[in-house]
C-alpha atoms as a PDB file:
ATOM      1  CA  MET A   1      55.362 121.564  95.568  1.00  0.00           C
ATOM      2  CA  ALA A   2      56.970 118.743  93.532  1.00  0.00           C
ATOM      3  CA  ASN A   3      60.086 120.837  92.959  1.00  0.00           C
ATOM      4  CA  ASP A   4      60.408 121.409  96.736  1.00  0.00           C
ATOM      5  CA  ASN A   5      60.177 117.645  97.327  1.00  0.00           C
ATOM      6  CA  LYS A   6      62.994 116.959  94.798  1.00  0.00           C
ATOM      7  CA  SER A   7      65.351 119.430  96.460  1.00  0.00           C
ATOM      8  CA  THR A   8      64.685 117.836  99.853  1.00  0.00           C
ATOM      9  CA  VAL A   9      65.546 114.382  98.512  1.00  0.00           C
ATOM     10  CA  ILE A  10      68.721 115.655  96.822  1.00  0.00           C
ATOM     11  CA  THR A  11      69.781 117.441 100.023  1.00  0.00           C
ATOM     12  CA  LEU A  12      69.232 114.284 102.090  1.00  0.00           C
ATOM     13  CA  VAL A  13      71.219 112.164  99.629  1.00  0.00           C
ATOM     14  CA  ILE A  14      74.129 114.636  99.708  1.00  0.00           C
ATOM     15  CA  LEU A  15      74.098 114.755 103.523  1.00  0.00           C
ATOM     16  CA  ALA A  16      73.996 110.947 103.720  1.00  0.00           C
ATOM     17  CA  GLY A  17      76.955 110.771 101.325  1.00  0.00           C
ATOM     18  CA  ILE A  18      78.965 113.217 103.448  1.00  0.00           C
ATOM     19  CA  LEU A  19      78.174 111.216 106.588  1.00  0.00           C
ATOM     20  CA  ILE A  20      79.217 107.925 104.986  1.00  0.00           C
ATOM     21  CA  GLN A  21      82.466 109.447 103.659  1.00  0.00           C
ATOM     22  CA  THR A  22      83.270 110.739 107.148  1.00  0.00           C
ATOM     23  CA  LEU A  23      82.690 107.284 108.636  1.00  0.00           C
ATOM     24  CA  PHE A  24      84.921 105.693 105.983  1.00  0.00           C
ATOM     25  CA  ALA A  25      87.662 108.252 106.675  1.00  0.00           C
ATOM     26  CA  PHE A  26      87.671 107.378 110.373  1.00  0.00           C
ATOM     27  CA  ALA A  27      87.626 103.646 109.637  1.00  0.00           C
ATOM     28  CA  ASP A  28      90.545 104.015 107.218  1.00  0.00           C
ATOM     29  CA  ALA A  29      92.628 105.922 109.776  1.00  0.00           C
ATOM     30  CA  LYS A  30      92.538 103.011 112.237  1.00  0.00           C
ATOM     31  CA  GLU A  31      95.997 101.640 112.985  1.00  0.00           C
ATOM     32  CA  THR A  32      96.435  97.985 112.002  1.00  0.00           C
ATOM     33  CA  PRO A  33      99.430  95.639 112.223  1.00  0.00           C
ATOM     34  CA  ALA A  34      99.736  95.534 108.419  1.00  0.00           C
ATOM     35  CA  ARG A  35      99.684  99.325 108.094  1.00  0.00           C
ATOM     36  CA  VAL A  36     102.380  99.679 110.768  1.00  0.00           C
ATOM     37  CA  ALA A  37     104.559  97.072 109.013  1.00  0.00           C
ATOM     38  CA  VAL A  38     104.158  98.844 105.646  1.00  0.00           C
ATOM     39  CA  ASN A  39     105.023 102.243 107.142  1.00  0.00           C
ATOM     40  CA  TYR A  40     108.034 100.740 108.920  1.00  0.00           C
ATOM     41  CA  TYR A  41     109.403  99.179 105.731  1.00  0.00           C
ATOM     42  CA  LYS A  42     108.803 102.354 103.729  1.00  0.00           C
ATOM     43  CA  ALA A  43     110.934 104.251 106.252  1.00  0.00           C
ATOM     44  CA  TYR A  44     113.442 101.367 106.451  1.00  0.00           C
ATOM     45  CA  PHE A  45     114.124 101.261 102.711  1.00  0.00           C
ATOM     46  CA  MET A  46     114.220 105.083 102.442  1.00  0.00           C
ATOM     47  CA  LEU A  47     116.692 105.246 105.359  1.00  0.00           C
ATOM     48  CA  ASP A  48     114.321 107.499 107.253  1.00  0.00           C
ATOM     49  CA  LYS A  49     114.894 107.918 110.985  1.00  0.00           C
ATOM     50  CA  SER A  50     111.134 107.775 111.513  1.00  0.00           C
ATOM     51  CA  MET A  51     111.435 103.969 111.376  1.00  0.00           C
ATOM     52  CA  ALA A  52     112.235 104.159 115.093  1.00  0.00           C
ATOM     53  CA  ASP A  53     108.674 105.392 115.728  1.00  0.00           C
ATOM     54  CA  TYR A  54     107.331 102.029 114.548  1.00  0.00           C
ATOM     55  CA  LEU A  55     109.690  99.875 116.639  1.00  0.00           C
ATOM     56  CA  CYS A  56     108.810  98.380 119.997  1.00  0.00           C
ATOM     57  CA  LYS A  57     110.478  99.821 123.059  1.00  0.00           C
ATOM     58  CA  GLY A  58     113.156  97.125 123.302  1.00  0.00           C
ATOM     59  CA  LEU A  59     114.313  97.518 119.696  1.00  0.00           C
ATOM     60  CA  ALA A  60     114.086 101.285 119.268  1.00  0.00           C
ATOM     61  CA  ILE A  61     116.647 101.984 121.976  1.00  0.00           C
ATOM     62  CA  ASN A  62     118.770  99.133 123.263  1.00  0.00           C
ATOM     63  CA  LYS A  63     122.226  98.740 124.850  1.00  0.00           C
ATOM     64  CA  LYS A  64     123.926  99.773 121.619  1.00  0.00           C
ATOM     65  CA  GLY A  65     121.869 102.984 121.301  1.00  0.00           C
ATOM     66  CA  ASN A  66     119.183 104.056 118.877  1.00  0.00           C
ATOM     67  CA  PHE A  67     118.609 101.299 116.309  1.00  0.00           C
ATOM     68  CA  ALA A  68     117.564 103.606 113.467  1.00  0.00           C
ATOM     69  CA  ASP A  69     120.513 105.977 113.868  1.00  0.00           C
ATOM     70  CA  LYS A  70     123.010 103.124 114.123  1.00  0.00           C
ATOM     71  CA  TYR A  71     121.534 101.280 111.124  1.00  0.00           C
ATOM     72  CA  ILE A  72     121.565 104.379 108.916  1.00  0.00           C
ATOM     73  CA  TYR A  73     125.061 105.381 110.040  1.00  0.00           C
ATOM     74  CA  ASP A  74     126.532 101.898 109.409  1.00  0.00           C
ATOM     75  CA  LEU A  75     124.877 101.588 105.995  1.00  0.00           C
ATOM     76  CA  THR A  76     125.907 105.103 104.942  1.00  0.00           C
ATOM     77  CA  LEU A  77     129.503 104.525 106.081  1.00  0.00           C
ATOM     78  CA  ASN A  78     129.673 101.221 104.191  1.00  0.00           C
ATOM     79  CA  THR A  79     128.289 102.867 101.056  1.00  0.00           C
ATOM     80  CA  GLN A  80     130.719 105.789 101.252  1.00  0.00           C
ATOM     81  CA  GLN A  81     133.647 103.374 101.679  1.00  0.00           C
ATOM     82  CA  ARG A  82     132.553 101.710  98.435  1.00  0.00           C
ATOM     83  CA  GLY A  83     132.590 105.127  96.727  1.00  0.00           C
ATOM     84  CA  PHE A  84     128.871 105.816  96.455  1.00  0.00           C
ATOM     85  CA  ASN A  85     126.608 108.547  97.747  1.00  0.00           C
ATOM     86  CA  GLU A  86     124.140 107.617 100.500  1.00  0.00           C
ATOM     87  CA  LYS A  87     121.248 108.356  98.122  1.00  0.00           C
ATOM     88  CA  TYR A  88     122.340 105.365  96.055  1.00  0.00           C
ATOM     89  CA  ILE A  89     121.160 102.891  98.681  1.00  0.00           C
ATOM     90  CA  LYS A  90     117.699 104.402  99.217  1.00  0.00           C
ATOM     91  CA  SER A  91     114.818 102.419  97.763  1.00  0.00           C
ATOM     92  CA  THR A  92     111.129 102.990  97.329  1.00  0.00           C
ATOM     93  CA  ILE A  93     108.630 100.153  97.621  1.00  0.00           C
ATOM     94  CA  TYR A  94     105.426  99.510  95.712  1.00  0.00           C
ATOM     95  CA  ASN A  95     103.073  96.683  94.650  1.00  0.00           C
ATOM     96  CA  LEU A  96     102.791  95.775  98.315  1.00  0.00           C
ATOM     97  CA  ARG A  97     100.868  92.781  99.561  1.00  0.00           C
ATOM     98  CA  THR A  98     100.435  92.046 103.246  1.00  0.00           C
ATOM     99  CA  TYR A  99      99.345  88.876 104.999  1.00  0.00           C
ATOM    100  CA  THR A 100      98.455  89.180 108.669  1.00  0.00           C
ATOM    101  CA  ASP A 101      98.251  86.217 111.024  1.00  0.00           C
ATOM    102  CA  PHE A 102      96.895  87.172 114.452  1.00  0.00           C
ATOM    103  CA  ILE A 103      98.478  84.963 117.089  1.00  0.00           C
ATOM    104  CA  ASP A 104      96.454  86.600 119.870  1.00  0.00           C
ATOM    105  CA  ARG A 105      94.867  89.988 120.618  1.00  0.00           C
ATOM    106  CA  ASN A 106      98.226  91.685 121.187  1.00  0.00           C
ATOM    107  CA  LEU A 107     100.507  89.827 118.769  1.00  0.00           C
ATOM    108  CA  ALA A 108     100.411  89.424 115.013  1.00  0.00           C
ATOM    109  CA  LYS A 109     102.833  88.109 112.423  1.00  0.00           C
ATOM    110  CA  VAL A 110     102.822  90.226 109.265  1.00  0.00           C
ATOM    111  CA  ARG A 111     104.347  89.063 106.008  1.00  0.00           C
ATOM    112  CA  ILE A 112     104.907  91.813 103.469  1.00  0.00           C
ATOM    113  CA  THR A 113     105.911  91.244  99.865  1.00  0.00           C
ATOM    114  CA  GLY A 114     106.443  93.696  97.075  1.00  0.00           C
ATOM    115  CA  ASP A 115     108.858  95.333  94.687  1.00  0.00           C
ATOM    116  CA  ARG A 116     111.494  97.951  95.344  1.00  0.00           C
ATOM    117  CA  ARG A 117     113.566 100.242  93.155  1.00  0.00           C
ATOM    118  CA  LYS A 118     116.475 102.554  93.772  1.00  0.00           C
ATOM    119  CA  CYS A 119     115.323 106.014  94.783  1.00  0.00           C
ATOM    120  CA  ILE A 120     118.335 108.188  94.046  1.00  0.00           C
ATOM    121  CA  ASN A 121     115.944 110.954  93.076  1.00  0.00           C
ATOM    122  CA  PRO A 122     112.126 110.791  93.171  1.00  0.00           C
ATOM    123  CA  VAL A 123     111.936 111.956  89.544  1.00  0.00           C
ATOM    124  CA  PHE A 124     114.346 109.190  88.499  1.00  0.00           C
ATOM    125  CA  THR A 125     112.194 106.641  90.310  1.00  0.00           C
ATOM    126  CA  LEU A 126     109.074 107.867  88.511  1.00  0.00           C
ATOM    127  CA  PHE A 127     110.741 107.701  85.081  1.00  0.00           C
ATOM    128  CA  ALA A 128     112.279 104.310  85.867  1.00  0.00           C
ATOM    129  CA  LYS A 129     108.881 102.930  86.803  1.00  0.00           C
ATOM    130  CA  VAL A 130     107.047 104.431  83.800  1.00  0.00           C
ATOM    131  CA  PHE A 131     109.681 103.520  81.195  1.00  0.00           C
ATOM    132  CA  ASN A 132     110.772 100.277  82.883  1.00  0.00           C
ATOM    133  CA  LEU A 133     114.353 101.444  83.410  1.00  0.00           C
ATOM    134  CA  GLY A 134     116.643 100.063  86.054  1.00  0.00           C
ATOM    135  CA  LYS A 135     116.291  96.904  88.009  1.00  0.00           C
ATOM    136  CA  THR A 136     113.325  95.959  90.168  1.00  0.00           C
ATOM    137  CA  TYR A 137     114.038  93.881  93.235  1.00  0.00           C
ATOM    138  CA  THR A 138     111.409  91.795  94.943  1.00  0.00           C
ATOM    139  CA  PHE A 139     111.360  91.458  98.692  1.00  0.00           C
ATOM    140  CA  ASP A 140     109.583  89.198 101.124  1.00  0.00           C
ATOM    141  CA  LYS A 141     109.841  90.123 104.801  1.00  0.00           C
ATOM    142  CA  SER A 142     108.090  88.911 107.934  1.00  0.00           C
ATOM    143  CA  VAL A 143     107.872  90.763 111.223  1.00  0.00           C
ATOM    144  CA  ASN A 144     106.168  90.311 114.544  1.00  0.00           C
ATOM    145  CA  VAL A 145     103.938  93.228 115.476  1.00  0.00           C
ATOM    146  CA  ILE A 146     102.847  93.670 119.089  1.00  0.00           C
ATOM    147  CA  LYS A 147     100.346  95.976 120.725  1.00  0.00           C
ATOM    148  CA  GLN A 148     102.290  98.207 123.053  1.00  0.00           C
ATOM    149  CA  ARG A 149     101.093 101.360 124.846  1.00  0.00           C
ATOM    150  CA  GLY A 150      97.836 101.381 122.897  1.00  0.00           C
ATOM    151  CA  GLY A 151      99.426 101.116 119.440  1.00  0.00           C
ATOM    152  CA  TRP A 152     100.979  98.483 117.203  1.00  0.00           C
ATOM    153  CA  LYS A 153     104.800  98.306 117.128  1.00  0.00           C
ATOM    154  CA  VAL A 154     107.228  96.207 115.072  1.00  0.00           C
ATOM    155  CA  CYS A 155     109.340  93.685 117.006  1.00  0.00           C
ATOM    156  CA  LYS A 156     111.471  91.432 114.841  1.00  0.00           C
END
């Protein structure tokens, strides 16, 4: 009888833990202005075209065309004219800190600070970070993030 009672308690504790983990997973998946700004800058520094997904409608496609494509093309062309490969200008960011100031329900100003390193090759970046090789650059950027079509978008 006592053994049956212990197994019931253990089963209830395990089920409660699974329920709480599920709730935390859904809460963590919620889109926030800071998370959108971080994802945008990760794509921005890696020269990933997915940065356009985080831009507001007016910036993503304007009179001059697609912002992300034009930015990557111009930067790559400039780098090639200087005699470097396009991988040389890619950077990865880490040690991120975000500060969000909500102006109203649909507008927030996000300040993001952190460090970035060249990301010529992911293995190089890992070794550079572990063995403190290469130069680390700090960055401090601020963006306006607006709620547009049900999601947060970056508008500079």
